[in-house]
């Protein structure tokens, strides 16, 4: 029986602001963070939040939106089809408001 060959995954590029965001989130009591899940999973108060982190200098336009040209094809598919929580962010405050730490 022939096995299908899986494509080789290349190392993904991590935006330069991701490390600071993850470090900050990990200091908040009750917040759990897992990386390498395109880009991070954040657990808080029994819920899981999925965030794609973009570098605002490269990916965010003057209108405050992420440029479509800066999204990978797989990210565009997720934007259209994922029914769970998933947001594209570029700073920690966006995450803190989204999970309810900041009001």
N, C-alpha and C. Protein backbone atom coordinates (compact mmCIF):
# COMPACT_ATOMS: atom_id res chain seq x y z
N UNK A 1 0.84 -1.18 0.00
CA UNK A 1 0.00 0.00 0.00
C UNK A 1 0.89 1.24 0.00
N UNK A 2 0.69 2.08 -0.97
CA UNK A 2 1.49 3.31 -1.08
C UNK A 2 0.99 4.36 -0.12
N UNK A 3 1.90 5.04 0.50
CA UNK A 3 1.52 6.12 1.42
C UNK A 3 1.66 7.44 0.69
N UNK A 4 0.73 8.32 0.97
CA UNK A 4 0.84 9.64 0.36
C UNK A 4 1.97 10.40 1.04
N UNK A 5 2.66 11.16 0.25
CA UNK A 5 3.78 11.92 0.78
C UNK A 5 3.29 13.26 1.29
N UNK A 6 3.61 13.56 2.53
CA UNK A 6 3.25 14.83 3.14
C UNK A 6 4.26 15.90 2.71
N UNK A 7 3.80 17.09 2.39
CA UNK A 7 4.75 18.14 2.04
C UNK A 7 5.63 18.49 3.23
N UNK A 8 6.87 18.81 2.94
CA UNK A 8 7.79 19.22 3.98
C UNK A 8 7.44 20.63 4.43
N UNK A 9 7.30 20.80 5.73
CA UNK A 9 7.00 22.13 6.25
C UNK A 9 8.29 22.86 6.53
N UNK A 10 8.40 24.01 5.96
CA UNK A 10 9.57 24.85 6.21
C UNK A 10 9.35 25.60 7.51
N UNK A 11 10.46 26.03 8.10
CA UNK A 11 10.35 26.83 9.32
C UNK A 11 9.57 28.10 9.04
N UNK A 12 8.59 28.36 9.87
CA UNK A 12 7.77 29.54 9.63
C UNK A 12 8.46 30.78 10.19
N UNK A 13 8.17 31.90 9.58
CA UNK A 13 8.73 33.16 10.03
C UNK A 13 7.91 33.66 11.21
N UNK A 14 8.60 34.05 12.25
CA UNK A 14 7.95 34.61 13.44
C UNK A 14 8.13 36.11 13.39
N UNK A 15 7.02 36.85 13.46
CA UNK A 15 7.13 38.31 13.45
C UNK A 15 7.88 38.78 14.69
N UNK A 16 8.65 39.85 14.55
CA UNK A 16 9.54 40.27 15.62
C UNK A 16 8.84 40.76 16.88
N UNK A 17 7.56 41.02 16.83
CA UNK A 17 6.83 41.45 18.02
C UNK A 17 6.22 40.28 18.79
N UNK A 18 6.24 39.07 18.23
CA UNK A 18 5.59 37.94 18.88
C UNK A 18 6.22 37.59 20.22
N UNK A 19 7.55 37.57 20.31
CA UNK A 19 8.21 37.22 21.55
C UNK A 19 7.83 38.14 22.70
N UNK A 20 7.79 39.44 22.46
CA UNK A 20 7.42 40.39 23.51
C UNK A 20 5.97 40.20 23.94
N UNK A 21 5.08 39.94 22.97
CA UNK A 21 3.67 39.72 23.30
C UNK A 21 3.51 38.47 24.15
N UNK A 22 4.16 37.38 23.75
CA UNK A 22 4.07 36.13 24.50
C UNK A 22 4.64 36.30 25.90
N UNK A 23 5.81 36.93 26.01
CA UNK A 23 6.41 37.15 27.34
C UNK A 23 5.48 37.95 28.24
N UNK A 24 4.86 39.00 27.72
CA UNK A 24 3.94 39.84 28.50
C UNK A 24 2.75 39.03 28.97
N UNK A 25 2.14 38.27 28.05
CA UNK A 25 0.95 37.48 28.39
C UNK A 25 1.25 36.44 29.45
N UNK A 26 2.41 35.83 29.39
CA UNK A 26 2.77 34.78 30.35
C UNK A 26 2.95 35.31 31.77
N UNK A 27 3.08 36.61 31.94
CA UNK A 27 3.22 37.22 33.26
C UNK A 27 1.87 37.50 33.92
N UNK A 28 0.79 37.36 33.18
CA UNK A 28 -0.55 37.66 33.71
C UNK A 28 -1.11 36.41 34.39
N UNK A 29 -1.46 36.52 35.67
CA UNK A 29 -2.01 35.36 36.37
C UNK A 29 -3.27 34.82 35.67
N UNK A 30 -3.31 33.52 35.51
CA UNK A 30 -4.47 32.89 34.92
C UNK A 30 -4.45 32.80 33.40
N UNK A 31 -3.42 33.36 32.77
CA UNK A 31 -3.31 33.30 31.31
C UNK A 31 -2.27 32.25 30.93
N UNK A 32 -2.66 31.33 30.06
CA UNK A 32 -1.75 30.32 29.53
C UNK A 32 -1.50 30.62 28.05
N UNK A 33 -0.28 30.39 27.59
CA UNK A 33 0.07 30.68 26.20
C UNK A 33 0.83 29.50 25.61
N UNK A 34 0.42 29.09 24.45
CA UNK A 34 1.12 28.06 23.67
C UNK A 34 1.49 28.67 22.33
N UNK A 35 2.71 28.46 21.89
CA UNK A 35 3.16 28.99 20.61
C UNK A 35 3.20 27.89 19.56
N UNK A 36 3.45 28.29 18.31
CA UNK A 36 3.54 27.39 17.16
C UNK A 36 2.20 26.83 16.74
N UNK A 37 1.15 27.55 17.01
CA UNK A 37 -0.18 27.17 16.56
C UNK A 37 -0.72 28.28 15.67
N UNK A 38 0.13 28.79 14.82
CA UNK A 38 -0.22 29.85 13.84
C UNK A 38 -0.91 31.02 14.50
N UNK A 39 -0.41 31.73 15.28
CA UNK A 39 0.85 31.86 15.97
C UNK A 39 0.74 31.42 17.44
N UNK A 40 -0.28 31.90 18.15
CA UNK A 40 -0.37 31.55 19.57
C UNK A 40 -1.81 31.18 19.96
N UNK A 41 -1.88 30.28 20.93
CA UNK A 41 -3.15 29.99 21.59
C UNK A 41 -3.06 30.59 22.98
N UNK A 42 -4.11 31.27 23.39
CA UNK A 42 -4.16 31.88 24.71
C UNK A 42 -5.35 31.28 25.44
N UNK A 43 -5.10 30.75 26.61
CA UNK A 43 -6.17 30.23 27.45
C UNK A 43 -6.44 31.19 28.59
N UNK A 44 -7.73 31.49 28.82
CA UNK A 44 -8.08 32.39 29.91
C UNK A 44 -9.51 32.13 30.32
N UNK A 45 -9.71 31.89 31.60
CA UNK A 45 -11.02 31.67 32.19
C UNK A 45 -11.80 30.57 31.45
N UNK A 46 -11.12 29.48 31.16
CA UNK A 46 -11.77 28.32 30.56
C UNK A 46 -12.03 28.43 29.07
N UNK A 47 -11.51 29.45 28.44
CA UNK A 47 -11.71 29.62 26.99
C UNK A 47 -10.36 29.64 26.29
N UNK A 48 -10.40 29.27 25.01
CA UNK A 48 -9.20 29.27 24.19
C UNK A 48 -9.36 30.28 23.08
N UNK A 49 -8.34 31.09 22.92
CA UNK A 49 -8.33 32.14 21.90
C UNK A 49 -7.14 31.88 20.97
N UNK A 50 -7.37 32.01 19.69
CA UNK A 50 -6.33 31.75 18.69
C UNK A 50 -5.97 33.06 18.01
N UNK A 51 -4.68 33.40 18.03
CA UNK A 51 -4.24 34.66 17.46
C UNK A 51 -3.13 34.47 16.43
N UNK A 52 -3.29 35.12 15.31
CA UNK A 52 -2.24 35.28 14.31
C UNK A 52 -1.62 36.64 14.60
N UNK A 53 -0.33 36.67 14.88
CA UNK A 53 0.35 37.92 15.21
C UNK A 53 1.10 38.42 13.98
N UNK A 54 0.83 39.66 13.63
CA UNK A 54 1.50 40.29 12.50
C UNK A 54 2.35 41.46 12.99
N UNK A 55 3.38 41.78 12.24
CA UNK A 55 4.21 42.93 12.51
C UNK A 55 3.52 44.15 11.91
N UNK A 56 3.16 45.14 12.73
CA UNK A 56 2.42 46.28 12.19
C UNK A 56 3.20 47.09 11.17
N UNK A 57 4.52 47.09 11.27
CA UNK A 57 5.33 47.87 10.33
C UNK A 57 5.25 47.30 8.91
N UNK A 58 5.04 45.99 8.81
CA UNK A 58 5.00 45.36 7.49
C UNK A 58 3.59 44.98 7.05
N UNK A 59 2.71 44.68 7.98
CA UNK A 59 1.44 44.05 7.61
C UNK A 59 0.21 44.92 7.75
N UNK A 60 0.29 46.00 8.51
CA UNK A 60 -0.90 46.80 8.79
C UNK A 60 -0.88 48.07 7.94
N UNK A 61 -1.97 48.30 7.22
CA UNK A 61 -2.08 49.48 6.37
C UNK A 61 -2.48 50.72 7.16
N UNK A 62 -2.53 51.83 6.48
CA UNK A 62 -2.87 53.10 7.12
C UNK A 62 -4.32 53.11 7.63
N UNK A 63 -5.15 52.19 7.13
CA UNK A 63 -6.53 52.09 7.59
C UNK A 63 -6.67 51.25 8.86
N UNK A 64 -5.56 50.73 9.38
CA UNK A 64 -5.60 49.93 10.60
C UNK A 64 -5.97 48.48 10.37
N UNK A 65 -6.04 48.06 9.12
CA UNK A 65 -6.38 46.68 8.78
C UNK A 65 -5.14 45.95 8.28
N UNK A 66 -5.12 44.63 8.49
CA UNK A 66 -4.01 43.83 7.96
C UNK A 66 -4.15 43.74 6.45
N UNK A 67 -3.06 44.03 5.76
CA UNK A 67 -3.06 43.96 4.29
C UNK A 67 -3.24 42.50 3.85
N UNK A 68 -4.17 42.27 2.94
CA UNK A 68 -4.42 40.92 2.43
C UNK A 68 -3.16 40.33 1.81
N UNK A 69 -2.33 41.18 1.22
CA UNK A 69 -1.12 40.69 0.57
C UNK A 69 -0.10 40.16 1.58
N UNK A 70 -0.27 40.48 2.85
CA UNK A 70 0.64 40.02 3.90
C UNK A 70 0.16 38.72 4.55
N UNK A 71 -0.99 38.22 4.11
CA UNK A 71 -1.51 36.96 4.65
C UNK A 71 -1.12 35.82 3.73
N UNK A 72 -0.76 34.70 4.34
CA UNK A 72 -0.49 33.49 3.57
C UNK A 72 -1.82 32.92 3.10
N UNK A 73 -1.77 32.10 2.05
CA UNK A 73 -3.00 31.50 1.52
C UNK A 73 -3.74 30.71 2.58
N UNK A 74 -3.01 29.98 3.43
CA UNK A 74 -3.68 29.20 4.48
C UNK A 74 -4.39 30.11 5.48
N UNK A 75 -3.83 31.28 5.74
CA UNK A 75 -4.47 32.23 6.65
C UNK A 75 -5.74 32.80 6.03
N UNK A 76 -5.73 33.02 4.74
CA UNK A 76 -6.93 33.52 4.06
C UNK A 76 -8.06 32.49 4.12
N UNK A 77 -7.71 31.22 3.97
CA UNK A 77 -8.71 30.16 4.06
C UNK A 77 -9.29 30.12 5.48
N UNK A 78 -8.43 30.21 6.48
CA UNK A 78 -8.92 30.23 7.86
C UNK A 78 -9.84 31.42 8.11
N UNK A 79 -9.49 32.58 7.59
CA UNK A 79 -10.34 33.76 7.75
C UNK A 79 -11.75 33.50 7.23
N UNK A 80 -11.85 32.78 6.12
CA UNK A 80 -13.15 32.50 5.50
C UNK A 80 -13.89 31.36 6.17
N UNK A 81 -13.17 30.33 6.62
CA UNK A 81 -13.83 29.07 6.98
C UNK A 81 -13.81 28.69 8.45
N UNK A 82 -12.91 29.26 9.23
CA UNK A 82 -12.80 28.85 10.64
C UNK A 82 -13.99 29.39 11.42
N UNK A 83 -14.70 28.52 12.12
CA UNK A 83 -15.90 28.96 12.84
C UNK A 83 -15.62 29.24 14.31
N UNK A 84 -14.45 28.91 14.79
CA UNK A 84 -14.09 29.20 16.17
C UNK A 84 -13.46 30.57 16.29
N UNK A 85 -12.98 30.87 17.49
CA UNK A 85 -12.33 32.16 17.72
C UNK A 85 -10.96 32.17 17.06
N UNK A 86 -10.70 33.17 16.26
CA UNK A 86 -9.39 33.39 15.64
C UNK A 86 -9.33 34.83 15.20
N UNK A 87 -8.31 35.54 15.65
CA UNK A 87 -8.14 36.96 15.31
C UNK A 87 -6.71 37.22 14.87
N UNK A 88 -6.56 38.20 14.01
CA UNK A 88 -5.24 38.68 13.63
C UNK A 88 -4.98 39.96 14.41
N UNK A 89 -3.86 40.00 15.13
CA UNK A 89 -3.53 41.13 16.00
C UNK A 89 -2.09 41.54 15.76
N UNK A 90 -1.73 42.71 16.31
CA UNK A 90 -0.34 43.15 16.20
C UNK A 90 0.16 43.78 17.49
N UNK A 91 -0.66 43.79 18.55
CA UNK A 91 -0.15 44.25 19.84
C UNK A 91 -0.89 43.56 20.98
N UNK A 92 -0.28 43.60 22.14
CA UNK A 92 -0.81 42.87 23.29
C UNK A 92 -2.15 43.45 23.77
N UNK A 93 -2.35 44.75 23.65
CA UNK A 93 -3.61 45.35 24.09
C UNK A 93 -4.80 44.76 23.33
N UNK A 94 -4.64 44.47 22.05
CA UNK A 94 -5.73 43.87 21.29
C UNK A 94 -6.14 42.53 21.90
N UNK A 95 -5.15 41.75 22.33
CA UNK A 95 -5.44 40.47 22.95
C UNK A 95 -6.09 40.67 24.31
N UNK A 96 -5.56 41.59 25.11
CA UNK A 96 -6.10 41.82 26.45
C UNK A 96 -7.55 42.29 26.41
N UNK A 97 -7.89 43.14 25.46
CA UNK A 97 -9.29 43.55 25.30
C UNK A 97 -10.15 42.37 24.83
N UNK A 98 -9.61 41.60 23.91
CA UNK A 98 -10.37 40.49 23.35
C UNK A 98 -10.70 39.43 24.40
N UNK A 99 -9.75 39.12 25.29
CA UNK A 99 -10.01 38.10 26.31
C UNK A 99 -10.69 38.66 27.55
N UNK A 100 -10.81 39.97 27.63
CA UNK A 100 -11.54 40.58 28.74
C UNK A 100 -10.69 41.02 29.91
N UNK A 101 -9.36 40.99 29.79
CA UNK A 101 -8.50 41.47 30.88
C UNK A 101 -8.62 42.99 30.99
N UNK A 102 -8.66 43.67 29.84
CA UNK A 102 -8.87 45.12 29.78
C UNK A 102 -10.29 45.38 29.31
N UNK A 103 -10.88 46.42 29.83
CA UNK A 103 -12.25 46.79 29.42
C UNK A 103 -12.22 48.09 28.67
